[in-house]
Protein backbone atom coordinates (compact mmCIF):
# COMPACT_ATOMS: atom_id res chain seq x y z
CA UNK A 1 -13.36 8.20 -26.14
CA UNK A 2 -12.42 6.54 -29.43
CA UNK A 3 -13.86 7.24 -32.82
CA UNK A 4 -14.19 4.92 -35.72
CA UNK A 5 -11.95 5.94 -38.66
CA UNK A 6 -13.10 4.94 -42.09
CA UNK A 7 -9.79 3.41 -43.33
CA UNK A 8 -10.93 3.40 -46.97
CA UNK A 9 -11.71 7.15 -46.61
CA UNK A 10 -8.10 7.99 -45.58
CA UNK A 11 -6.12 10.06 -48.00
CA UNK A 12 -3.70 7.92 -50.11
CA UNK A 13 -0.60 9.26 -48.51
CA UNK A 14 -1.65 8.47 -44.96
CA UNK A 15 -2.97 5.07 -45.88
CA UNK A 16 0.22 4.05 -47.65
CA UNK A 17 2.22 5.50 -44.77
CA UNK A 18 0.26 3.57 -42.16
CA UNK A 19 0.62 0.34 -44.13
CA UNK A 20 4.34 0.84 -44.39
CA UNK A 21 4.63 1.71 -40.67
CA UNK A 22 2.67 -1.45 -39.79
CA UNK A 23 4.97 -3.64 -42.02
CA UNK A 24 7.96 -2.13 -40.35
CA UNK A 25 6.54 -2.78 -36.86
CA UNK A 26 5.93 -6.43 -37.83
CA UNK A 27 9.52 -6.63 -39.28
CA UNK A 28 11.07 -5.21 -36.17
CA UNK A 29 9.19 -7.59 -33.95
CA UNK A 30 10.65 -10.52 -35.98
CA UNK A 31 14.16 -9.01 -35.95
CA UNK A 32 13.96 -8.41 -32.11
CA UNK A 33 12.69 -11.94 -31.54
CA UNK A 34 15.68 -13.28 -33.63
CA UNK A 35 18.28 -11.47 -31.49
CA UNK A 36 18.50 -8.14 -33.22
CA UNK A 37 16.66 -6.46 -30.36
CA UNK A 38 18.57 -3.24 -30.79
CA UNK A 39 17.65 -2.83 -34.46
CA UNK A 40 15.55 0.30 -35.24
CA UNK A 41 13.76 1.45 -38.38
CA UNK A 42 16.12 4.52 -38.60
CA UNK A 43 19.10 2.14 -39.06
CA UNK A 44 17.86 1.25 -42.53
CA UNK A 45 18.39 4.80 -43.80
CA UNK A 46 22.13 4.43 -43.23
CA UNK A 47 22.33 0.69 -44.17
CA UNK A 48 20.87 1.52 -47.65
CA UNK A 49 24.08 3.51 -48.42
CA UNK A 50 26.39 0.67 -47.41
CA UNK A 51 24.74 -2.30 -49.26
CA UNK A 52 26.90 -1.58 -52.34
CA UNK A 53 30.12 -1.28 -50.30
CA UNK A 54 32.09 0.87 -47.86
CA UNK A 55 31.91 4.65 -47.63
CA UNK A 56 33.49 7.37 -45.56
CA UNK A 57 31.61 9.25 -42.90
CA UNK A 58 31.79 12.31 -45.15
CA UNK A 59 30.03 10.46 -47.94
CA UNK A 60 27.44 9.13 -45.60
CA UNK A 61 26.82 12.54 -44.12
CA UNK A 62 26.21 13.90 -47.64
CA UNK A 63 23.89 11.08 -48.55
CA UNK A 64 21.95 11.21 -45.29
CA UNK A 65 21.79 14.99 -45.56
CA UNK A 66 23.10 15.54 -42.08
CA UNK A 67 26.24 16.99 -40.56
CA UNK A 68 29.36 15.04 -40.40
CA UNK A 69 29.10 15.07 -36.62
CA UNK A 70 25.53 13.56 -36.78
CA UNK A 71 26.73 10.85 -39.23
CA UNK A 72 29.71 10.08 -36.96
CA UNK A 73 27.46 9.72 -33.97
CA UNK A 74 25.12 7.36 -35.84
CA UNK A 75 28.05 5.36 -37.20
CA UNK A 76 29.65 5.06 -33.80
CA UNK A 77 26.40 3.69 -32.27
CA UNK A 78 26.03 1.18 -35.05
CA UNK A 79 29.71 0.08 -34.65
CA UNK A 80 29.01 -0.31 -30.93
CA UNK A 81 25.97 -2.38 -31.68
CA UNK A 82 27.98 -4.60 -34.09
CA UNK A 83 26.09 -3.65 -37.29
CA UNK A 84 29.00 -1.67 -38.90
CA UNK A 85 32.72 -1.93 -39.14
CA UNK A 86 35.37 0.75 -39.53
CA UNK A 87 38.58 0.24 -41.51
CA UNK A 88 41.41 2.49 -42.50
CA UNK A 89 41.30 3.83 -46.03
CA UNK A 90 44.08 4.83 -48.41
CA UNK A 91 43.55 8.42 -47.12
CA UNK A 92 44.66 8.20 -43.44
CA UNK A 93 42.35 11.00 -42.50
CA UNK A 94 39.29 9.06 -43.55
CA UNK A 95 37.87 5.66 -42.45
CA UNK A 96 35.89 3.28 -44.54
CA UNK A 97 32.60 2.34 -42.96
CA UNK A 98 31.03 -0.95 -44.00
CA UNK A 99 28.38 -3.36 -42.99
CA UNK A 100 29.64 -6.02 -40.57
CA UNK A 101 28.74 -9.67 -40.69
CA UNK A 102 25.95 -8.84 -38.13
CA UNK A 103 24.76 -5.98 -40.36
CA UNK A 104 24.65 -8.20 -43.44
CA UNK A 105 22.84 -10.94 -41.48
CA UNK A 106 20.32 -8.47 -40.05
CA UNK A 107 19.54 -7.14 -43.62
CA UNK A 108 19.24 -10.74 -44.98
CA UNK A 109 16.82 -11.70 -42.23
CA UNK A 110 14.77 -8.55 -42.77
CA UNK A 111 14.59 -9.36 -46.52
CA UNK A 112 13.41 -12.93 -45.70
CA UNK A 113 10.73 -11.58 -43.24
CA UNK A 114 9.44 -9.10 -45.82
CA UNK A 115 9.37 -11.86 -48.46
CA UNK A 116 7.36 -14.18 -46.15
CA UNK A 117 4.90 -11.39 -45.33
CA UNK A 118 4.62 -10.54 -49.01
CA UNK A 119 3.98 -14.20 -49.79
CA UNK A 120 1.23 -14.33 -47.22
CA UNK A 121 -0.44 -11.24 -48.63
CA UNK A 122 -0.20 -12.50 -52.21
CA UNK A 123 -1.76 -15.84 -51.08
CA UNK A 124 -4.62 -13.92 -49.52
CA UNK A 125 -5.14 -11.09 -52.09
CA UNK A 126 -3.75 -12.51 -55.26
CA UNK A 127 -3.48 -10.29 -58.28
CA UNK A 128 -5.04 -7.32 -56.50
CA UNK A 129 -1.77 -6.95 -54.57
CA UNK A 130 0.23 -6.86 -57.78
CA UNK A 131 -2.12 -4.24 -59.25
CA UNK A 132 -1.91 -2.24 -56.00
CA UNK A 133 1.90 -2.40 -56.02
CA UNK A 134 2.01 -1.38 -59.67
CA UNK A 135 -0.31 1.58 -59.04
CA UNK A 136 1.68 2.72 -55.98
CA UNK A 137 4.93 2.53 -58.03
CA UNK A 138 3.38 4.55 -60.72
CA UNK A 139 2.16 7.16 -58.35
CA UNK A 140 5.60 7.30 -56.61
CA UNK A 141 7.15 7.91 -60.04
CA UNK A 142 4.53 10.64 -60.96
CA UNK A 143 5.22 12.40 -57.68
CA UNK A 144 8.96 12.41 -58.28
CA UNK A 145 9.92 9.96 -55.53
CA UNK A 146 11.12 7.13 -57.68
CA UNK A 147 14.71 8.35 -58.41
CA UNK A 148 15.64 8.46 -54.66
CA UNK A 149 14.24 4.86 -54.21
CA UNK A 150 16.09 3.56 -57.31
CA UNK A 151 19.36 5.14 -56.13
CA UNK A 152 18.88 3.91 -52.53
CA UNK A 153 18.94 7.52 -51.38
CA UNK A 154 15.73 7.74 -49.38
CA UNK A 155 16.20 10.37 -46.71
CA UNK A 156 15.19 10.01 -43.18
CA UNK A 157 11.84 11.56 -42.51
CA UNK A 158 11.96 14.99 -40.87
């Protein structure tokens, strides 16, 4: 048995979450169709820390708020999938982890897909979308979530 949910009656947090989840579903479908069929939403939480340049696994573990072993496991998986590369660093005990050409290309495509979706929504909803974005940004700031987004330090949901 299904029940009709009044979408406009949902609380703001859930409604914003569900919109974000749907955007991510659409994005992953496009990435998968373009040959990145092993890309997952969770990869973005690690990628965000490598956009500015290489980091060690110890740094990544701290930024992801996970153990060094958990970070190592995720990095190994992404190296195996071709999204990351590992290089020796000046400290022989550490390795520098960076985005590979495939990782950069995946991020570039994701940004293009998001831009196209945004363009479609703006064409349909015009200035209402800009006002909605501004309001959500203000609310994010008021709730204390803006600094993590600005610093590219959004944590994986728990």
